[in-house]
Protein backbone atom coordinates (compact mmCIF):
# COMPACT_ATOMS: atom_id res chain seq x y z
CA MET A 1 -68.10 97.10 -15.84
CA ARG A 2 -70.64 97.75 -18.55
CA LEU A 3 -74.12 98.63 -17.29
CA GLU A 4 -76.94 96.66 -18.85
CA THR A 5 -79.44 98.90 -20.66
CA ILE A 6 -83.00 97.98 -19.72
CA ASP A 7 -85.95 100.12 -20.75
CA PRO A 8 -87.99 100.73 -17.57
CA GLY A 9 -91.09 101.26 -19.75
CA ALA A 10 -90.88 97.62 -20.82
CA LEU A 11 -91.68 96.50 -17.25
CA ARG A 12 -95.44 96.60 -17.83
CA THR A 13 -96.65 93.03 -17.23
CA GLU A 14 -98.22 92.69 -13.79
CA LEU A 15 -97.20 89.42 -12.11
CA SER A 16 -98.02 87.91 -8.75
CA LEU A 17 -94.91 86.74 -6.86
CA GLN A 18 -95.71 83.67 -4.77
CA VAL A 19 -93.87 81.51 -2.23
CA ALA A 20 -94.68 77.90 -1.33
CA THR A 21 -95.77 77.03 2.20
CA THR A 22 -95.52 73.36 3.16
CA THR A 23 -97.88 71.98 5.80
CA GLY A 24 -97.57 68.49 7.27
CA ASP A 25 -100.66 66.29 7.08
CA GLY A 26 -99.87 64.32 10.27
CA MET A 27 -99.35 61.07 8.37
CA GLY A 28 -95.86 61.64 6.97
CA GLY A 29 -96.96 63.58 3.91
CA HIS A 30 -97.47 67.25 3.26
CA SER A 31 -99.52 69.69 1.25
CA VAL A 32 -98.23 72.76 -0.54
CA ALA A 33 -100.07 76.08 -0.59
CA TRP A 34 -98.92 79.14 -2.53
CA ASP A 35 -99.07 82.55 -0.82
CA GLU A 36 -98.78 85.84 -2.70
CA ILE A 37 -96.06 88.02 -1.19
CA ALA A 38 -95.99 90.82 -3.77
CA THR A 39 -97.29 92.14 -7.06
CA VAL A 40 -94.48 93.17 -9.40
CA PHE A 41 -94.24 94.74 -12.84
CA ALA A 42 -91.88 92.96 -15.17
CA GLN A 43 -90.94 92.26 -18.76
CA LEU A 44 -91.91 88.73 -19.80
CA GLN A 45 -89.98 87.35 -22.80
CA PRO A 46 -90.33 83.81 -24.21
CA VAL A 47 -86.92 82.20 -24.68
CA GLU A 48 -87.36 78.61 -25.80
CA ALA A 49 -90.03 76.02 -26.53
CA ARG A 50 -89.01 72.38 -26.64
CA ALA A 51 -90.85 69.08 -27.00
CA VAL A 52 -89.14 65.87 -25.93
CA PHE A 53 -90.62 62.49 -26.82
CA GLY A 54 -89.86 59.50 -24.65
CA ALA A 55 -91.55 56.64 -22.82
CA ASP A 56 -94.49 56.90 -25.22
CA GLN A 57 -95.31 60.48 -24.21
CA THR A 58 -94.37 64.03 -25.20
CA ARG A 59 -93.07 66.44 -22.59
CA GLU A 60 -93.18 70.09 -23.57
CA THR A 61 -91.15 72.83 -21.91
CA VAL A 62 -91.46 76.59 -22.42
CA THR A 63 -88.93 78.89 -20.77
CA HIS A 64 -89.19 82.66 -20.25
CA ARG A 65 -86.94 85.48 -19.14
CA VAL A 66 -88.56 87.75 -16.55
CA THR A 67 -86.86 91.10 -15.95
CA LEU A 68 -87.93 93.23 -12.97
CA ARG A 69 -86.63 95.83 -10.56
CA ALA A 70 -84.30 94.36 -7.93
CA ARG A 71 -85.85 92.88 -4.77
CA ALA A 72 -84.14 91.07 -1.91
CA ASP A 73 -86.95 88.54 -1.41
CA ILE A 74 -86.84 86.63 -4.73
CA ALA A 75 -85.27 83.17 -4.89
CA SER A 76 -85.41 80.07 -7.03
CA GLY A 77 -88.28 77.78 -6.09
CA MET A 78 -90.76 80.66 -5.97
CA ARG A 79 -93.12 81.38 -8.85
CA PHE A 80 -94.74 84.16 -10.83
CA VAL A 81 -98.43 83.93 -11.76
CA LEU A 82 -100.13 85.72 -14.66
CA GLY A 83 -103.82 84.85 -14.75
CA ALA A 84 -103.96 81.05 -15.04
CA ARG A 85 -100.30 80.79 -16.14
CA GLU A 86 -97.62 79.75 -13.64
CA PHE A 87 -93.89 80.41 -14.10
CA GLU A 88 -91.54 78.47 -11.82
CA ILE A 89 -88.39 80.51 -11.01
CA LEU A 90 -85.29 78.46 -11.87
CA THR A 91 -82.52 81.07 -11.53
CA VAL A 92 -82.20 84.67 -10.36
CA HIS A 93 -79.32 86.97 -11.22
CA ASP A 94 -78.33 90.63 -11.46
CA PRO A 95 -77.33 91.12 -15.13
CA ASP A 96 -74.74 93.85 -14.51
CA GLU A 97 -74.17 93.63 -10.71
CA SER A 98 -75.54 97.16 -10.26
CA GLY A 99 -78.42 96.21 -7.95
CA ARG A 100 -80.99 97.85 -10.23
CA TYR A 101 -82.64 94.89 -11.98
CA LEU A 102 -83.02 91.14 -11.66
CA VAL A 103 -83.38 88.62 -14.47
CA CYS A 104 -85.18 85.38 -13.64
CA ARG A 105 -85.13 82.32 -15.88
CA THR A 106 -88.48 80.56 -15.52
CA ARG A 107 -90.24 77.45 -16.77
CA GLU A 108 -93.95 77.69 -17.53
CA LYS A 109 -95.93 74.99 -15.76
CA GLY A 110 -98.22 72.90 -17.92
CA ARG A 111 -96.39 73.62 -21.15
């Protein structure tokens, strides 16, 4: 198996890793709060920007690739936060199955 070459010096963007906590409101609904579980250093790379027009509105989507050192506590449904920007984690995978790095495909909220 070919090992993926990732420059560790490229992991210089500081991101907050957050997990959603759902709390019932007692009336059948719920509220979602985000709790920071870690601060990680990663490489943030834009991948695609797309605008789709339909139903008399434009929906824009921006996806990013986030590369970071491997952690056991990252899963889809979590998010990364950089300042006011939020990146929803869609997929998580080990690019070369070596257990050294993880690559997350994310979608930026609000874009």
